[in-house]
C-alpha cells in the first residue's frame, strides 16, 4: 500500500460528489442528505479546493481513488488558529488502513506547511472504527462532546481527538501512536 494525498483534479468531481451525496457511499456516519451537485465544481473552479482556510485532497493508491481528506481553519483566539480535519473513504476501500495512513499524511502536511500547533478531528461516539483509526494515526482522545452533531433525525454525541506539534516531535516525526 502506497497511499498518497494529491490535489483534486476536474475528473475527481463525480467521485467527490458520490462520497458526499450518495447514501450508499457516504457511510452511515456521513450521510447528511443530498448535496448541491454544483457545489464541488464551484469550489474546484474557484481555487482547486485548496485555500488559506482549508482544502480537500484526494486519497490515492497508485491511480485508484480511495477517498478524500478535508481540513478547515478554526480560530482559537486573536493570535492563533488550529485545523479541524475529516475524511471519507469509499466503501470498497474501507477497513484496509487507508484512512489511518491518509490521516498521518495530512497531519505531516499541515504541520510542515502551516504554523498551526493543533489539529483536531471528531467522530460520532458509535463510530468505533474511526476512533481506532485516529488513535493509530497518533491522535489523543480528549473526550465526549454531548449532543454535538445532528444526523438522521437525532442529536448524537461525538468524540474529539487532537494532535499537537510536540506529539509529532516526541514520536520521531511520525504521526503514529
N, C-alpha and C. Protein backbone atom coordinates (compact mmCIF):
# COMPACT_ATOMS: atom_id res chain seq x y z
N UNK A 1 0.84 -1.19 0.00
CA UNK A 1 0.00 0.00 0.00
C UNK A 1 0.88 1.24 0.00
N UNK A 2 0.71 2.07 -1.01
CA UNK A 2 1.43 3.33 -1.10
C UNK A 2 0.40 4.45 -1.19
N UNK A 3 -0.15 4.81 -0.06
CA UNK A 3 -1.16 5.86 -0.01
C UNK A 3 -0.47 7.21 -0.15
N UNK A 4 -1.08 8.08 -0.92
CA UNK A 4 -0.58 9.45 -1.07
C UNK A 4 -1.78 10.39 -1.12
N UNK A 5 -1.52 11.64 -0.85
CA UNK A 5 -2.53 12.68 -0.98
C UNK A 5 -2.16 13.51 -2.19
N UNK A 6 -3.15 13.90 -2.96
CA UNK A 6 -2.90 14.73 -4.14
C UNK A 6 -4.03 15.73 -4.31
N UNK A 7 -3.75 16.84 -5.00
CA UNK A 7 -4.81 17.83 -5.26
C UNK A 7 -5.95 17.23 -6.08
N UNK A 8 -7.12 17.81 -5.94
CA UNK A 8 -8.30 17.40 -6.68
C UNK A 8 -8.14 17.83 -8.14
N UNK A 9 -8.47 16.92 -9.04
CA UNK A 9 -8.49 17.21 -10.48
C UNK A 9 -9.94 17.26 -10.92
N UNK A 10 -10.19 17.86 -12.05
CA UNK A 10 -11.57 18.02 -12.51
C UNK A 10 -12.29 16.68 -12.64
N UNK A 11 -11.60 15.65 -13.11
CA UNK A 11 -12.29 14.36 -13.26
C UNK A 11 -12.54 13.65 -11.93
N UNK A 12 -12.08 14.21 -10.80
CA UNK A 12 -12.38 13.68 -9.47
C UNK A 12 -13.73 14.16 -8.94
N UNK A 13 -14.31 15.17 -9.55
CA UNK A 13 -15.53 15.78 -9.02
C UNK A 13 -16.70 14.79 -8.90
N UNK A 14 -16.96 13.93 -9.89
CA UNK A 14 -18.04 12.94 -9.69
C UNK A 14 -17.77 12.00 -8.51
N UNK A 15 -16.51 11.62 -8.31
CA UNK A 15 -16.13 10.76 -7.18
C UNK A 15 -16.42 11.47 -5.85
N UNK A 16 -16.04 12.74 -5.74
CA UNK A 16 -16.30 13.52 -4.52
C UNK A 16 -17.79 13.66 -4.28
N UNK A 17 -18.54 13.91 -5.35
CA UNK A 17 -19.99 14.04 -5.20
C UNK A 17 -20.59 12.71 -4.70
N UNK A 18 -20.11 11.60 -5.25
CA UNK A 18 -20.59 10.29 -4.81
C UNK A 18 -20.34 10.09 -3.32
N UNK A 19 -19.16 10.47 -2.84
CA UNK A 19 -18.81 10.25 -1.43
C UNK A 19 -19.51 11.20 -0.47
N UNK A 20 -20.08 12.28 -1.00
CA UNK A 20 -20.78 13.22 -0.12
C UNK A 20 -22.29 13.22 -0.31
N UNK A 21 -22.79 12.60 -1.38
CA UNK A 21 -24.22 12.71 -1.68
C UNK A 21 -24.93 11.40 -1.96
N UNK A 22 -24.22 10.31 -2.05
CA UNK A 22 -24.85 9.01 -2.29
C UNK A 22 -24.88 8.25 -0.97
N UNK A 23 -26.08 7.99 -0.42
CA UNK A 23 -26.14 7.33 0.89
C UNK A 23 -25.46 5.97 0.93
N UNK A 24 -25.32 5.30 -0.20
CA UNK A 24 -24.61 4.03 -0.25
C UNK A 24 -23.10 4.19 -0.22
N UNK A 25 -22.61 5.39 -0.46
CA UNK A 25 -21.16 5.63 -0.49
C UNK A 25 -20.64 6.45 0.68
N UNK A 26 -21.50 7.30 1.26
CA UNK A 26 -21.03 8.16 2.34
C UNK A 26 -20.71 7.35 3.59
N UNK A 27 -21.43 6.29 3.81
CA UNK A 27 -21.32 5.55 5.06
C UNK A 27 -22.34 6.10 6.04
N UNK A 28 -22.70 5.29 7.01
CA UNK A 28 -23.78 5.69 7.93
C UNK A 28 -23.45 6.93 8.75
N UNK A 29 -22.17 7.22 8.97
CA UNK A 29 -21.81 8.34 9.83
C UNK A 29 -21.62 9.65 9.06
N UNK A 30 -21.73 9.61 7.74
CA UNK A 30 -21.52 10.82 6.94
C UNK A 30 -22.72 11.17 6.07
N UNK A 31 -23.83 10.47 6.18
CA UNK A 31 -24.99 10.77 5.35
C UNK A 31 -25.80 11.89 6.00
N UNK A 32 -25.77 13.06 5.37
CA UNK A 32 -26.48 14.24 5.86
C UNK A 32 -27.53 14.74 4.87
N UNK A 33 -27.89 13.90 3.92
CA UNK A 33 -28.86 14.30 2.90
C UNK A 33 -28.16 14.66 1.60
N UNK A 34 -28.94 14.85 0.58
CA UNK A 34 -28.38 15.16 -0.74
C UNK A 34 -27.76 16.55 -0.74
N UNK A 35 -26.71 16.70 -1.50
CA UNK A 35 -25.95 17.96 -1.56
C UNK A 35 -26.15 18.62 -2.92
N UNK A 36 -25.88 19.88 -2.99
CA UNK A 36 -25.91 20.64 -4.24
C UNK A 36 -24.92 20.01 -5.22
N UNK A 37 -25.37 19.53 -6.36
CA UNK A 37 -24.45 18.86 -7.29
C UNK A 37 -23.44 19.81 -7.92
N UNK A 38 -23.62 21.11 -7.79
CA UNK A 38 -22.70 22.08 -8.39
C UNK A 38 -21.68 22.64 -7.40
N UNK A 39 -21.88 22.35 -6.11
CA UNK A 39 -21.01 22.92 -5.07
C UNK A 39 -19.55 22.51 -5.25
N UNK A 40 -19.30 21.25 -5.51
CA UNK A 40 -17.92 20.77 -5.67
C UNK A 40 -17.25 21.43 -6.87
N UNK A 41 -17.97 21.51 -7.99
CA UNK A 41 -17.40 22.13 -9.19
C UNK A 41 -17.09 23.60 -8.94
N UNK A 42 -17.98 24.30 -8.26
CA UNK A 42 -17.75 25.72 -7.98
C UNK A 42 -16.50 25.89 -7.11
N UNK A 43 -16.34 25.03 -6.10
CA UNK A 43 -15.15 25.11 -5.25
C UNK A 43 -13.89 24.78 -6.02
N UNK A 44 -13.97 23.82 -6.91
CA UNK A 44 -12.80 23.45 -7.72
C UNK A 44 -12.45 24.58 -8.69
N UNK A 45 -13.45 25.19 -9.32
CA UNK A 45 -13.19 26.28 -10.25
C UNK A 45 -12.66 27.51 -9.54
N UNK A 46 -13.09 27.73 -8.31
CA UNK A 46 -12.67 28.90 -7.55
C UNK A 46 -11.19 28.82 -7.15
N UNK A 47 -10.79 27.71 -6.55
CA UNK A 47 -9.41 27.64 -6.04
C UNK A 47 -8.80 26.24 -6.09
N UNK A 48 -9.37 25.35 -6.87
CA UNK A 48 -8.86 23.99 -6.93
C UNK A 48 -9.05 23.24 -5.62
N UNK A 49 -9.93 23.76 -4.77
CA UNK A 49 -10.23 23.18 -3.46
C UNK A 49 -9.04 23.24 -2.51
N UNK A 50 -8.19 24.22 -2.71
CA UNK A 50 -7.06 24.47 -1.82
C UNK A 50 -7.00 25.96 -1.52
N UNK A 51 -7.19 26.31 -0.25
CA UNK A 51 -7.17 27.72 0.12
C UNK A 51 -6.48 27.92 1.45
N UNK A 52 -6.35 29.17 1.83
CA UNK A 52 -5.70 29.50 3.09
C UNK A 52 -6.50 29.04 4.30
N UNK A 53 -7.80 28.85 4.14
CA UNK A 53 -8.66 28.46 5.27
C UNK A 53 -9.04 26.99 5.26
N UNK A 54 -8.47 26.21 4.34
CA UNK A 54 -8.76 24.79 4.31
C UNK A 54 -8.67 24.23 2.92
N UNK A 55 -9.06 22.97 2.80
CA UNK A 55 -8.99 22.36 1.49
C UNK A 55 -9.43 20.92 1.48
N UNK A 56 -9.32 20.33 0.30
CA UNK A 56 -9.63 18.93 0.08
C UNK A 56 -8.52 18.32 -0.75
N UNK A 57 -8.06 17.15 -0.35
CA UNK A 57 -7.09 16.37 -1.12
C UNK A 57 -7.65 14.97 -1.34
N UNK A 58 -7.35 14.42 -2.49
CA UNK A 58 -7.74 13.05 -2.82
C UNK A 58 -6.78 12.08 -2.15
N UNK A 59 -7.31 11.03 -1.55
CA UNK A 59 -6.51 9.92 -1.05
C UNK A 59 -6.37 8.96 -2.22
N UNK A 60 -5.13 8.67 -2.63
CA UNK A 60 -4.91 7.81 -3.79
C UNK A 60 -3.95 6.68 -3.44
N UNK A 61 -4.14 5.57 -4.13
CA UNK A 61 -3.23 4.43 -4.06
C UNK A 61 -2.92 4.10 -5.52
N UNK A 62 -1.77 4.56 -6.00
CA UNK A 62 -1.49 4.49 -7.43
C UNK A 62 -2.49 5.36 -8.16
N UNK A 63 -3.17 4.78 -9.16
CA UNK A 63 -4.19 5.52 -9.90
C UNK A 63 -5.57 5.39 -9.28
N UNK A 64 -5.71 4.55 -8.25
CA UNK A 64 -7.01 4.35 -7.61
C UNK A 64 -7.34 5.48 -6.65
N UNK A 65 -8.56 5.99 -6.75
CA UNK A 65 -9.07 6.98 -5.81
C UNK A 65 -9.64 6.21 -4.63
N UNK A 66 -9.14 6.49 -3.44
CA UNK A 66 -9.54 5.78 -2.22
C UNK A 66 -10.61 6.58 -1.46
N UNK A 67 -10.48 7.89 -1.45
CA UNK A 67 -11.37 8.76 -0.70
C UNK A 67 -10.84 10.17 -0.73
N UNK A 68 -11.19 10.95 0.28
CA UNK A 68 -10.65 12.31 0.37
C UNK A 68 -10.47 12.73 1.81
N UNK A 69 -9.54 13.65 2.00
CA UNK A 69 -9.28 14.31 3.29
C UNK A 69 -9.70 15.76 3.13
N UNK A 70 -10.27 16.33 4.18
CA UNK A 70 -10.58 17.75 4.16
C UNK A 70 -10.14 18.37 5.47
N UNK A 71 -9.88 19.66 5.46
CA UNK A 71 -9.50 20.38 6.68
C UNK A 71 -9.98 21.81 6.56
N UNK A 72 -10.24 22.41 7.71
CA UNK A 72 -10.67 23.81 7.75
C UNK A 72 -10.04 24.51 8.95
N UNK A 73 -9.78 25.78 8.75
CA UNK A 73 -9.17 26.62 9.78
C UNK A 73 -10.22 26.98 10.82
N UNK A 74 -9.86 26.83 12.08
CA UNK A 74 -10.71 27.21 13.21
C UNK A 74 -9.96 28.25 14.04
N UNK A 75 -10.60 29.35 14.33
CA UNK A 75 -9.96 30.40 15.11
C UNK A 75 -9.97 30.00 16.58
N UNK A 76 -8.79 29.98 17.20
CA UNK A 76 -8.68 29.68 18.62
C UNK A 76 -8.82 30.95 19.45
N UNK A 77 -8.17 32.00 19.00
CA UNK A 77 -8.26 33.33 19.63
C UNK A 77 -7.67 34.34 18.65
N UNK A 78 -7.49 35.57 19.06
CA UNK A 78 -7.00 36.59 18.14
C UNK A 78 -5.61 36.30 17.61
N UNK A 79 -4.84 35.49 18.32
CA UNK A 79 -3.45 35.25 17.93
C UNK A 79 -3.20 33.88 17.30
N UNK A 80 -4.18 32.99 17.30
CA UNK A 80 -3.87 31.65 16.80
C UNK A 80 -5.09 30.95 16.21
N UNK A 81 -4.79 29.91 15.47
CA UNK A 81 -5.81 29.07 14.87
C UNK A 81 -5.35 27.62 14.96
N UNK A 82 -6.26 26.71 14.66
CA UNK A 82 -5.93 25.29 14.55
C UNK A 82 -6.70 24.72 13.37
N UNK A 83 -6.40 23.50 13.01
CA UNK A 83 -7.08 22.84 11.91
C UNK A 83 -8.04 21.78 12.44
N UNK A 84 -9.19 21.68 11.81
CA UNK A 84 -10.13 20.59 12.04
C UNK A 84 -10.14 19.77 10.76
N UNK A 85 -9.98 18.45 10.87
CA UNK A 85 -9.88 17.63 9.67
C UNK A 85 -10.86 16.47 9.70
N UNK A 86 -11.13 15.94 8.53
CA UNK A 86 -12.01 14.79 8.40
C UNK A 86 -11.72 14.06 7.10
N UNK A 87 -12.36 12.92 6.93
CA UNK A 87 -12.16 12.15 5.72
C UNK A 87 -13.38 11.29 5.44
N UNK A 88 -13.48 10.88 4.20
CA UNK A 88 -14.41 9.83 3.80
C UNK A 88 -13.63 8.90 2.89
N UNK A 89 -13.68 7.62 3.20
CA UNK A 89 -13.06 6.58 2.38
C UNK A 89 -14.20 5.87 1.64
N UNK A 90 -14.00 5.62 0.35
CA UNK A 90 -15.01 4.93 -0.45
C UNK A 90 -15.29 3.55 0.14
N UNK A 91 -16.53 3.10 0.09
CA UNK A 91 -16.91 1.83 0.74
C UNK A 91 -16.05 0.65 0.32
N UNK A 92 -15.65 0.60 -0.93
CA UNK A 92 -14.86 -0.53 -1.42
C UNK A 92 -13.43 -0.54 -0.89
N UNK A 93 -13.02 0.54 -0.19
CA UNK A 93 -11.66 0.62 0.35
C UNK A 93 -11.62 0.71 1.88
N UNK A 94 -12.77 0.63 2.53
CA UNK A 94 -12.81 0.75 4.00
C UNK A 94 -12.24 -0.50 4.66
N UNK A 95 -11.71 -0.30 5.88
CA UNK A 95 -11.22 -1.41 6.68
C UNK A 95 -9.86 -1.94 6.26
N UNK A 96 -9.13 -1.18 5.44
CA UNK A 96 -7.83 -1.63 4.94
C UNK A 96 -6.67 -0.77 5.44
N UNK A 97 -6.94 0.17 6.34
CA UNK A 97 -5.89 1.02 6.88
C UNK A 97 -5.60 2.27 6.06
N UNK A 98 -6.32 2.48 4.96
CA UNK A 98 -6.07 3.64 4.11
C UNK A 98 -6.37 4.96 4.83
N UNK A 99 -7.46 4.99 5.61
CA UNK A 99 -7.82 6.21 6.33
C UNK A 99 -6.79 6.58 7.37
N UNK A 100 -6.29 5.59 8.10
CA UNK A 100 -5.25 5.86 9.10
C UNK A 100 -4.02 6.47 8.45
N UNK A 101 -3.57 5.87 7.35
CA UNK A 101 -2.39 6.38 6.66
C UNK A 101 -2.63 7.77 6.09
N UNK A 102 -3.81 8.00 5.53
CA UNK A 102 -4.13 9.33 4.99
C UNK A 102 -4.14 10.38 6.09
N UNK A 103 -4.64 10.03 7.27
CA UNK A 103 -4.64 10.98 8.39
C UNK A 103 -3.21 11.32 8.80
N UNK A 104 -2.35 10.33 8.84
CA UNK A 104 -0.93 10.59 9.16
C UNK A 104 -0.32 11.54 8.14
N UNK A 105 -0.61 11.31 6.88
CA UNK A 105 -0.04 12.15 5.82
C UNK A 105 -0.55 13.58 5.91
N UNK A 106 -1.85 13.76 6.19
CA UNK A 106 -2.38 15.12 6.29
C UNK A 106 -1.82 15.85 7.50
N UNK A 107 -1.68 15.16 8.62
CA UNK A 107 -1.07 15.78 9.80
C UNK A 107 0.33 16.29 9.47
N UNK A 108 1.13 15.44 8.86
CA UNK A 108 2.50 15.81 8.49
C UNK A 108 2.48 17.01 7.54
N UNK A 109 1.60 16.98 6.54
CA UNK A 109 1.48 18.06 5.58
C UNK A 109 1.13 19.38 6.27
N UNK A 110 0.10 19.36 7.13
CA UNK A 110 -0.33 20.60 7.78
C UNK A 110 0.73 21.14 8.74
N UNK A 111 1.41 20.28 9.48
CA UNK A 111 2.47 20.77 10.38
C UNK A 111 3.69 21.26 9.58
N UNK A 112 3.95 20.67 8.44
CA UNK A 112 5.09 21.09 7.62
C UNK A 112 4.84 22.40 6.89
N UNK A 113 3.57 22.71 6.57
CA UNK A 113 3.29 23.85 5.69
C UNK A 113 2.47 24.96 6.32
N UNK A 114 2.14 24.84 7.61
CA UNK A 114 1.42 25.92 8.30
C UNK A 114 2.01 26.08 9.70
N UNK A 115 1.66 27.17 10.34
CA UNK A 115 2.16 27.43 11.70
C UNK A 115 1.23 26.91 12.79
N UNK A 116 0.13 26.28 12.42
CA UNK A 116 -0.81 25.77 13.43
C UNK A 116 -0.11 24.79 14.37
N UNK A 117 -0.49 24.84 15.63
CA UNK A 117 0.08 23.95 16.65
C UNK A 117 -0.84 22.77 16.96
N UNK A 118 -2.09 22.84 16.49
CA UNK A 118 -3.08 21.83 16.87
C UNK A 118 -3.88 21.39 15.64
N UNK A 119 -4.15 20.10 15.58
CA UNK A 119 -5.05 19.53 14.58
C UNK A 119 -6.04 18.68 15.35
N UNK A 120 -7.32 18.85 15.05
CA UNK A 120 -8.31 18.04 15.73
C UNK A 120 -9.22 17.35 14.75
N UNK A 121 -9.82 16.27 15.22
CA UNK A 121 -10.79 15.51 14.45
C UNK A 121 -11.85 15.00 15.42
N UNK A 122 -13.07 14.94 14.94
CA UNK A 122 -14.17 14.44 15.76
C UNK A 122 -14.92 13.38 14.99
N UNK A 123 -15.55 12.48 15.71
CA UNK A 123 -16.39 11.46 15.10
C UNK A 123 -17.53 11.14 16.05
N UNK A 124 -18.55 10.49 15.53
CA UNK A 124 -19.64 10.07 16.41
C UNK A 124 -19.16 9.03 17.40
N UNK A 125 -19.74 9.03 18.56
CA UNK A 125 -19.32 8.14 19.63
C UNK A 125 -19.50 6.67 19.26
N UNK A 126 -20.42 6.38 18.35
CA UNK A 126 -20.63 4.99 17.93
C UNK A 126 -19.74 4.57 16.77
N UNK A 127 -18.96 5.49 16.22
CA UNK A 127 -18.07 5.17 15.09
C UNK A 127 -16.73 4.67 15.64
N UNK A 128 -16.75 3.46 16.14
CA UNK A 128 -15.59 2.86 16.79
C UNK A 128 -14.43 2.66 15.81
N UNK A 129 -14.72 2.32 14.56
CA UNK A 129 -13.66 2.12 13.58
C UNK A 129 -12.86 3.41 13.36
N UNK A 130 -13.54 4.53 13.27
CA UNK A 130 -12.82 5.81 13.08
C UNK A 130 -12.05 6.19 14.35
N UNK A 131 -12.59 5.90 15.50
CA UNK A 131 -11.85 6.18 16.74
C UNK A 131 -10.54 5.39 16.76
N UNK A 132 -10.60 4.12 16.36
CA UNK A 132 -9.38 3.30 16.30
C UNK A 132 -8.39 3.87 15.29
N UNK A 133 -8.91 4.28 14.13
CA UNK A 133 -8.03 4.84 13.09
C UNK A 133 -7.33 6.10 13.58
N UNK A 134 -8.06 6.98 14.26
CA UNK A 134 -7.44 8.20 14.79
C UNK A 134 -6.37 7.87 15.82
N UNK A 135 -6.65 6.93 16.69
CA UNK A 135 -5.66 6.54 17.71
C UNK A 135 -4.42 5.92 17.05
N UNK A 136 -4.61 5.09 16.03
CA UNK A 136 -3.47 4.51 15.31
C UNK A 136 -2.66 5.58 14.59
N UNK A 137 -3.33 6.64 14.15
CA UNK A 137 -2.65 7.73 13.47
C UNK A 137 -1.91 8.64 14.44
N UNK A 138 -2.08 8.43 15.75
CA UNK A 138 -1.35 9.21 16.74
C UNK A 138 -2.15 10.27 17.46
N UNK A 139 -3.45 10.33 17.24
CA UNK A 139 -4.29 11.32 17.91
C UNK A 139 -4.60 10.88 19.34
N UNK A 140 -4.81 11.87 20.20
CA UNK A 140 -5.17 11.66 21.59
C UNK A 140 -6.66 11.94 21.78
N UNK A 141 -7.35 11.01 22.41
CA UNK A 141 -8.77 11.21 22.70
C UNK A 141 -8.88 12.25 23.81
N UNK A 142 -9.66 13.29 23.56
CA UNK A 142 -9.83 14.35 24.55
C UNK A 142 -11.11 14.21 25.33
N UNK A 143 -12.14 13.66 24.73
CA UNK A 143 -13.37 13.50 25.48
C UNK A 143 -14.60 13.46 24.62
N UNK A 144 -15.72 13.30 25.30
CA UNK A 144 -17.03 13.21 24.65
C UNK A 144 -17.61 14.61 24.54
N UNK A 145 -18.21 14.87 23.40
CA UNK A 145 -18.90 16.13 23.15
C UNK A 145 -20.38 15.80 23.05
N UNK A 146 -21.10 16.09 24.10
CA UNK A 146 -22.51 15.69 24.18
C UNK A 146 -23.36 16.46 23.17
N UNK A 147 -24.26 15.72 22.49
CA UNK A 147 -25.23 16.33 21.60
C UNK A 147 -24.63 17.24 20.55
N UNK A 148 -23.48 16.89 19.99
CA UNK A 148 -22.75 17.81 19.12
C UNK A 148 -23.09 17.72 17.64
N UNK A 149 -23.73 16.65 17.21
CA UNK A 149 -24.00 16.52 15.79
C UNK A 149 -25.39 15.99 15.52
N UNK A 150 -26.03 16.58 14.53
CA UNK A 150 -27.37 16.16 14.15
C UNK A 150 -27.26 15.35 12.87
N UNK A 151 -27.77 14.12 12.90
CA UNK A 151 -27.77 13.24 11.74
C UNK A 151 -28.93 12.27 11.87
N UNK A 152 -29.60 12.01 10.74
CA UNK A 152 -30.69 11.03 10.67
C UNK A 152 -31.77 11.28 11.73
N UNK A 153 -32.12 12.56 11.91
CA UNK A 153 -33.23 12.90 12.79
C UNK A 153 -32.92 12.91 14.27
N UNK A 154 -31.64 12.74 14.65
CA UNK A 154 -31.28 12.71 16.07
C UNK A 154 -30.02 13.52 16.36
N UNK A 155 -29.97 14.08 17.57
CA UNK A 155 -28.73 14.68 18.06
C UNK A 155 -27.87 13.55 18.61
N UNK A 156 -26.59 13.57 18.28
CA UNK A 156 -25.68 12.47 18.63
C UNK A 156 -24.45 13.01 19.34
N UNK A 157 -23.94 12.20 20.26
CA UNK A 157 -22.71 12.55 20.95
C UNK A 157 -21.52 12.28 20.03
N UNK A 158 -20.47 13.04 20.24
CA UNK A 158 -19.24 12.86 19.46
C UNK A 158 -18.06 12.62 20.38
N UNK A 159 -16.94 12.31 19.77
CA UNK A 159 -15.68 12.15 20.49
C UNK A 159 -14.65 13.01 19.78
N UNK A 160 -13.94 13.83 20.53
CA UNK A 160 -12.93 14.71 19.95
C UNK A 160 -11.54 14.15 20.20
N UNK A 161 -10.72 14.24 19.16
CA UNK A 161 -9.32 13.83 19.20
C UNK A 161 -8.45 14.99 18.76
N UNK A 162 -7.20 15.01 19.21
CA UNK A 162 -6.29 16.06 18.77
C UNK A 162 -4.86 15.55 18.70
N UNK A 163 -4.07 16.33 17.98
CA UNK A 163 -2.63 16.13 17.96
C UNK A 163 -2.01 17.53 17.93
N UNK A 164 -0.96 17.72 18.71
CA UNK A 164 -0.22 18.98 18.66
C UNK A 164 1.20 18.69 18.19
N UNK A 165 1.89 19.74 17.77
CA UNK A 165 3.23 19.56 17.21
C UNK A 165 4.15 18.74 18.09
N UNK A 166 4.11 18.97 19.38
CA UNK A 166 5.03 18.24 20.26
C UNK A 166 4.71 16.74 20.28
N UNK A 167 3.46 16.35 20.00
CA UNK A 167 3.14 14.93 19.87
C UNK A 167 3.90 14.33 18.70
N UNK A 168 3.96 15.05 17.62
CA UNK A 168 4.66 14.59 16.43
C UNK A 168 6.16 14.54 16.68
N UNK A 169 6.67 15.56 17.34
CA UNK A 169 8.11 15.60 17.63
C UNK A 169 8.52 14.47 18.57
N UNK A 170 7.67 14.14 19.55
CA UNK A 170 8.02 13.10 20.51
C UNK A 170 7.93 11.69 19.90
N UNK A 171 7.32 11.58 18.72
CA UNK A 171 7.24 10.28 18.06
C UNK A 171 8.28 10.17 16.95
N UNK A 172 9.31 11.02 16.98
CA UNK A 172 10.35 10.96 15.96
C UNK A 172 9.92 11.48 14.63
N UNK A 173 8.94 12.39 14.61
CA UNK A 173 8.47 12.98 13.36
C UNK A 173 7.41 12.17 12.65
N UNK A 174 6.98 11.09 13.25
CA UNK A 174 5.94 10.25 12.64
C UNK A 174 4.61 10.50 13.34
N UNK A 175 3.57 10.61 12.57
CA UNK A 175 2.23 10.77 13.13
C UNK A 175 1.68 9.39 13.45
N UNK A 176 2.26 8.75 14.45
CA UNK A 176 1.82 7.42 14.83
C UNK A 176 1.73 7.35 16.35
N UNK A 177 0.99 6.37 16.81
CA UNK A 177 0.85 6.20 18.26
C UNK A 177 2.04 5.43 18.82
